[in-house]
């Protein structure tokens, strides 16, 4: 099974914490460009934010 995601784009919802966060990090480590989304928490899981994490 090919686990290399070079040149791929992944969209992960619920990526602010838990399984969504871990999936986003794993995909990034495997070479994907990852777009994340979560409502009500920052990417580190602390508090709500309406700011984009990065572009």
PDB file of N, CA and C in Angstrom:
ATOM      1  N   UNK A   1       0.842  -1.178   0.000  1.00  0.00           N
ATOM      2  CA  UNK A   1       0.000   0.000   0.000  1.00  0.00           C
ATOM      3  C   UNK A   1       0.888   1.242   0.000  1.00  0.00           C
ATOM      4  N   UNK A   2       0.596   2.183  -0.897  1.00  0.00           N
ATOM      5  CA  UNK A   2       1.365   3.418  -1.000  1.00  0.00           C
ATOM      6  C   UNK A   2       0.927   4.388   0.092  1.00  0.00           C
ATOM      7  N   UNK A   3       1.847   4.741   0.982  1.00  0.00           N
ATOM      8  CA  UNK A   3       1.534   5.670   2.063  1.00  0.00           C
ATOM      9  C   UNK A   3       2.246   7.008   1.871  1.00  0.00           C
ATOM     10  N   UNK A   4       2.689   7.279   0.637  1.00  0.00           N
ATOM     11  CA  UNK A   4       3.341   8.535   0.318  1.00  0.00           C
ATOM     12  C   UNK A   4       2.296   9.462  -0.300  1.00  0.00           C
ATOM     13  N   UNK A   5       2.143  10.650   0.251  1.00  0.00           N
ATOM     14  CA  UNK A   5       1.146  11.586  -0.224  1.00  0.00           C
ATOM     15  C   UNK A   5       1.767  12.809  -0.883  1.00  0.00           C
ATOM     16  N   UNK A   6       3.027  12.685  -1.357  1.00  0.00           N
ATOM     17  CA  UNK A   6       3.688  13.787  -2.059  1.00  0.00           C
ATOM     18  C   UNK A   6       2.825  14.222  -3.234  1.00  0.00           C
ATOM     19  N   UNK A   7       2.654  15.539  -3.370  1.00  0.00           N
ATOM     20  CA  UNK A   7       1.888  16.080  -4.485  1.00  0.00           C
ATOM     21  C   UNK A   7       0.385  15.992  -4.310  1.00  0.00           C
ATOM     22  N   UNK A   8      -0.080  15.533  -3.167  1.00  0.00           N
ATOM     23  CA  UNK A   8      -1.514  15.420  -2.894  1.00  0.00           C
ATOM     24  C   UNK A   8      -1.945  16.529  -1.941  1.00  0.00           C
ATOM     25  N   UNK A   9      -3.228  16.850  -1.968  1.00  0.00           N
ATOM     26  CA  UNK A   9      -3.816  17.827  -1.055  1.00  0.00           C
ATOM     27  C   UNK A   9      -4.858  17.103  -0.224  1.00  0.00           C
ATOM     28  N   UNK A  10      -4.817  17.299   1.092  1.00  0.00           N
ATOM     29  CA  UNK A  10      -5.793  16.684   2.000  1.00  0.00           C
ATOM     30  C   UNK A  10      -6.548  17.785   2.728  1.00  0.00           C
ATOM     31  N   UNK A  11      -7.849  17.597   2.872  1.00  0.00           N
ATOM     32  CA  UNK A  11      -8.686  18.507   3.656  1.00  0.00           C
ATOM     33  C   UNK A  11      -9.171  17.724   4.859  1.00  0.00           C
ATOM     34  N   UNK A  12      -8.838  18.221   6.056  1.00  0.00           N
ATOM     35  CA  UNK A  12      -9.210  17.522   7.287  1.00  0.00           C
ATOM     36  C   UNK A  12     -10.099  18.442   8.107  1.00  0.00           C
ATOM     37  N   UNK A  13     -11.343  18.007   8.347  1.00  0.00           N
ATOM     38  CA  UNK A  13     -12.233  18.774   9.211  1.00  0.00           C
ATOM     39  C   UNK A  13     -12.133  18.217  10.625  1.00  0.00           C
ATOM     40  N   UNK A  14     -12.407  19.049  11.597  1.00  0.00           N
ATOM     41  CA  UNK A  14     -12.272  18.614  12.984  1.00  0.00           C
ATOM     42  C   UNK A  14     -10.821  18.447  13.376  1.00  0.00           C
ATOM     43  N   UNK A  15      -9.938  19.259  12.781  1.00  0.00           N
ATOM     44  CA  UNK A  15      -8.499  19.075  12.964  1.00  0.00           C
ATOM     45  C   UNK A  15      -7.921  19.835  14.151  1.00  0.00           C
ATOM     46  N   UNK A  16      -8.764  20.433  14.972  1.00  0.00           N
ATOM     47  CA  UNK A  16      -8.265  21.200  16.106  1.00  0.00           C
ATOM     48  C   UNK A  16      -7.811  20.352  17.268  1.00  0.00           C
ATOM     49  N   UNK A  17      -8.242  19.102  17.294  1.00  0.00           N
ATOM     50  CA  UNK A  17      -7.878  18.235  18.418  1.00  0.00           C
ATOM     51  C   UNK A  17      -8.219  16.783  18.076  1.00  0.00           C
ATOM     52  N   UNK A  18      -7.772  15.899  18.903  1.00  0.00           N
ATOM     53  CA  UNK A  18      -8.134  14.488  18.785  1.00  0.00           C
ATOM     54  C   UNK A  18      -7.689  13.825  17.498  1.00  0.00           C
ATOM     55  N   UNK A  19      -8.555  12.933  16.983  1.00  0.00           N
ATOM     56  CA  UNK A  19      -8.223  12.156  15.792  1.00  0.00           C
ATOM     57  C   UNK A  19      -8.018  13.030  14.559  1.00  0.00           C
ATOM     58  N   UNK A  20      -8.826  14.068  14.408  1.00  0.00           N
ATOM     59  CA  UNK A  20      -8.658  14.955  13.260  1.00  0.00           C
ATOM     60  C   UNK A  20      -7.292  15.607  13.251  1.00  0.00           C
ATOM     61  N   UNK A  21      -6.839  16.054  14.411  1.00  0.00           N
ATOM     62  CA  UNK A  21      -5.509  16.668  14.525  1.00  0.00           C
ATOM     63  C   UNK A  21      -4.418  15.665  14.180  1.00  0.00           C
ATOM     64  N   UNK A  22      -4.522  14.471  14.718  1.00  0.00           N
ATOM     65  CA  UNK A  22      -3.507  13.447  14.458  1.00  0.00           C
ATOM     66  C   UNK A  22      -3.475  13.055  12.982  1.00  0.00           C
ATOM     67  N   UNK A  23      -4.643  12.970  12.350  1.00  0.00           N
ATOM     68  CA  UNK A  23      -4.688  12.645  10.922  1.00  0.00           C
ATOM     69  C   UNK A  23      -4.031  13.750  10.097  1.00  0.00           C
ATOM     70  N   UNK A  24      -4.304  15.008  10.437  1.00  0.00           N
ATOM     71  CA  UNK A  24      -3.709  16.120   9.714  1.00  0.00           C
ATOM     72  C   UNK A  24      -2.184  16.106   9.847  1.00  0.00           C
ATOM     73  N   UNK A  25      -1.700  15.862  11.049  1.00  0.00           N
ATOM     74  CA  UNK A  25      -0.250  15.807  11.267  1.00  0.00           C
ATOM     75  C   UNK A  25       0.384  14.641  10.509  1.00  0.00           C
ATOM     76  N   UNK A  26      -0.257  13.484  10.531  1.00  0.00           N
ATOM     77  CA  UNK A  26       0.266  12.312   9.827  1.00  0.00           C
ATOM     78  C   UNK A  26       0.329  12.554   8.323  1.00  0.00           C
ATOM     79  N   UNK A  27      -0.739  13.099   7.764  1.00  0.00           N
ATOM     80  CA  UNK A  27      -0.749  13.382   6.331  1.00  0.00           C
ATOM     81  C   UNK A  27       0.351  14.366   5.962  1.00  0.00           C
ATOM     82  N   UNK A  28       0.563  15.377   6.796  1.00  0.00           N
ATOM     83  CA  UNK A  28       1.632  16.333   6.554  1.00  0.00           C
ATOM     84  C   UNK A  28       3.007  15.683   6.601  1.00  0.00           C
ATOM     85  N   UNK A  29       3.222  14.813   7.565  1.00  0.00           N
ATOM     86  CA  UNK A  29       4.512  14.099   7.651  1.00  0.00           C
ATOM     87  C   UNK A  29       4.741  13.194   6.443  1.00  0.00           C
ATOM     88  N   UNK A  30       3.657  12.717   5.859  1.00  0.00           N
ATOM     89  CA  UNK A  30       3.770  11.816   4.703  1.00  0.00           C
ATOM     90  C   UNK A  30       3.815  12.574   3.380  1.00  0.00           C
ATOM     91  N   UNK A  31       3.889  13.903   3.433  1.00  0.00           N
ATOM     92  CA  UNK A  31       4.120  14.689   2.230  1.00  0.00           C
ATOM     93  C   UNK A  31       2.938  15.447   1.677  1.00  0.00           C
ATOM     94  N   UNK A  32       1.752  15.293   2.232  1.00  0.00           N
ATOM     95  CA  UNK A  32       0.582  16.001   1.708  1.00  0.00           C
ATOM     96  C   UNK A  32       0.605  17.473   2.112  1.00  0.00           C
ATOM     97  N   UNK A  33      -0.008  18.280   1.281  1.00  0.00           N
ATOM     98  CA  UNK A  33      -0.312  19.659   1.676  1.00  0.00           C
ATOM     99  C   UNK A  33      -1.662  19.565   2.360  1.00  0.00           C
ATOM    100  N   UNK A  34      -1.743  20.016   3.591  1.00  0.00           N
ATOM    101  CA  UNK A  34      -2.932  19.776   4.404  1.00  0.00           C
ATOM    102  C   UNK A  34      -3.660  21.079   4.704  1.00  0.00           C
ATOM    103  N   UNK A  35      -4.964  21.081   4.409  1.00  0.00           N
ATOM    104  CA  UNK A  35      -5.826  22.182   4.790  1.00  0.00           C
ATOM    105  C   UNK A  35      -6.688  21.673   5.942  1.00  0.00           C
ATOM    106  N   UNK A  36      -6.699  22.430   7.043  1.00  0.00           N
ATOM    107  CA  UNK A  36      -7.438  21.992   8.225  1.00  0.00           C
ATOM    108  C   UNK A  36      -8.569  22.955   8.546  1.00  0.00           C
ATOM    109  N   UNK A  37      -9.561  22.436   9.249  1.00  0.00           N
ATOM    110  CA  UNK A  37     -10.709  23.226   9.662  1.00  0.00           C
ATOM    111  C   UNK A  37     -11.218  22.684  10.977  1.00  0.00           C
ATOM    112  N   UNK A  38     -11.611  23.577  11.862  1.00  0.00           N
ATOM    113  CA  UNK A  38     -12.269  23.190  13.105  1.00  0.00           C
ATOM    114  C   UNK A  38     -13.006  24.407  13.617  1.00  0.00           C
ATOM    115  N   UNK A  39     -14.130  24.186  14.216  1.00  0.00           N
ATOM    116  CA  UNK A  39     -14.907  25.283  14.780  1.00  0.00           C
ATOM    117  C   UNK A  39     -14.723  25.325  16.284  1.00  0.00           C
ATOM    118  N   UNK A  40     -14.406  26.495  16.805  1.00  0.00           N
ATOM    119  CA  UNK A  40     -14.403  26.682  18.241  1.00  0.00           C
ATOM    120  C   UNK A  40     -13.101  26.448  18.963  1.00  0.00           C
ATOM    121  N   UNK A  41     -12.056  25.976  18.297  1.00  0.00           N
ATOM    122  CA  UNK A  41     -10.773  25.787  18.978  1.00  0.00           C
ATOM    123  C   UNK A  41      -9.636  26.192  18.058  1.00  0.00           C
ATOM    124  N   UNK A  42      -8.530  26.600  18.674  1.00  0.00           N
ATOM    125  CA  UNK A  42      -7.324  26.859  17.895  1.00  0.00           C
ATOM    126  C   UNK A  42      -6.702  25.522  17.524  1.00  0.00           C
ATOM    127  N   UNK A  43      -5.734  25.550  16.643  1.00  0.00           N
ATOM    128  CA  UNK A  43      -5.105  24.312  16.175  1.00  0.00           C
ATOM    129  C   UNK A  43      -4.452  23.549  17.321  1.00  0.00           C
ATOM    130  N   UNK A  44      -4.062  24.230  18.393  1.00  0.00           N
ATOM    131  CA  UNK A  44      -3.463  23.538  19.536  1.00  0.00           C
ATOM    132  C   UNK A  44      -4.511  23.090  20.545  1.00  0.00           C
ATOM    133  N   UNK A  45      -5.802  23.346  20.269  1.00  0.00           N
ATOM    134  CA  UNK A  45      -6.870  22.873  21.127  1.00  0.00           C
ATOM    135  C   UNK A  45      -7.205  23.767  22.306  1.00  0.00           C
ATOM    136  N   UNK A  46      -6.597  24.957  22.395  1.00  0.00           N
ATOM    137  CA  UNK A  46      -6.774  25.769  23.591  1.00  0.00           C
ATOM    138  C   UNK A  46      -8.102  26.517  23.654  1.00  0.00           C
ATOM    139  N   UNK A  47      -8.357  27.473  22.792  1.00  0.00           N
ATOM    140  CA  UNK A  47      -9.579  28.272  22.882  1.00  0.00           C
ATOM    141  C   UNK A  47     -10.058  28.611  21.481  1.00  0.00           C
ATOM    142  N   UNK A  48     -11.170  29.280  21.393  1.00  0.00           N
ATOM    143  CA  UNK A  48     -11.734  29.584  20.077  1.00  0.00           C
ATOM    144  C   UNK A  48     -10.902  30.623  19.339  1.00  0.00           C
ATOM    145  N   UNK A  49     -10.935  30.519  18.036  1.00  0.00           N
ATOM    146  CA  UNK A  49     -10.203  31.449  17.196  1.00  0.00           C
ATOM    147  C   UNK A  49     -10.901  31.534  15.846  1.00  0.00           C
ATOM    148  N   UNK A  50     -10.908  32.704  15.272  1.00  0.00           N
ATOM    149  CA  UNK A  50     -11.432  32.873  13.924  1.00  0.00           C
ATOM    150  C   UNK A  50     -10.304  33.195  12.950  1.00  0.00           C
ATOM    151  N   UNK A  51      -9.071  33.148  13.415  1.00  0.00           N
ATOM    152  CA  UNK A  51      -7.913  33.448  12.593  1.00  0.00           C
ATOM    153  C   UNK A  51      -7.446  32.198  11.843  1.00  0.00           C
ATOM    154  N   UNK A  52      -7.025  32.330  10.588  1.00  0.00           N
ATOM    155  CA  UNK A  52      -6.422  31.178   9.901  1.00  0.00           C
ATOM    156  C   UNK A  52      -5.086  30.844  10.545  1.00  0.00           C
ATOM    157  N   UNK A  53      -4.756  29.554  10.605  1.00  0.00           N
ATOM    158  CA  UNK A  53      -3.504  29.124  11.211  1.00  0.00           C
ATOM    159  C   UNK A  53      -2.312  29.562  10.372  1.00  0.00           C
ATOM    160  N   UNK A  54      -2.409  29.397   9.045  1.00  0.00           N
ATOM    161  CA  UNK A  54      -1.325  29.769   8.144  1.00  0.00           C
ATOM    162  C   UNK A  54      -1.833  29.679   6.716  1.00  0.00           C
ATOM    163  N   UNK A  55      -1.098  30.283   5.820  1.00  0.00           N
ATOM    164  CA  UNK A  55      -1.436  30.161   4.401  1.00  0.00           C
ATOM    165  C   UNK A  55      -0.323  29.474   3.688  1.00  0.00           C
TER     166      UNK A  55
END
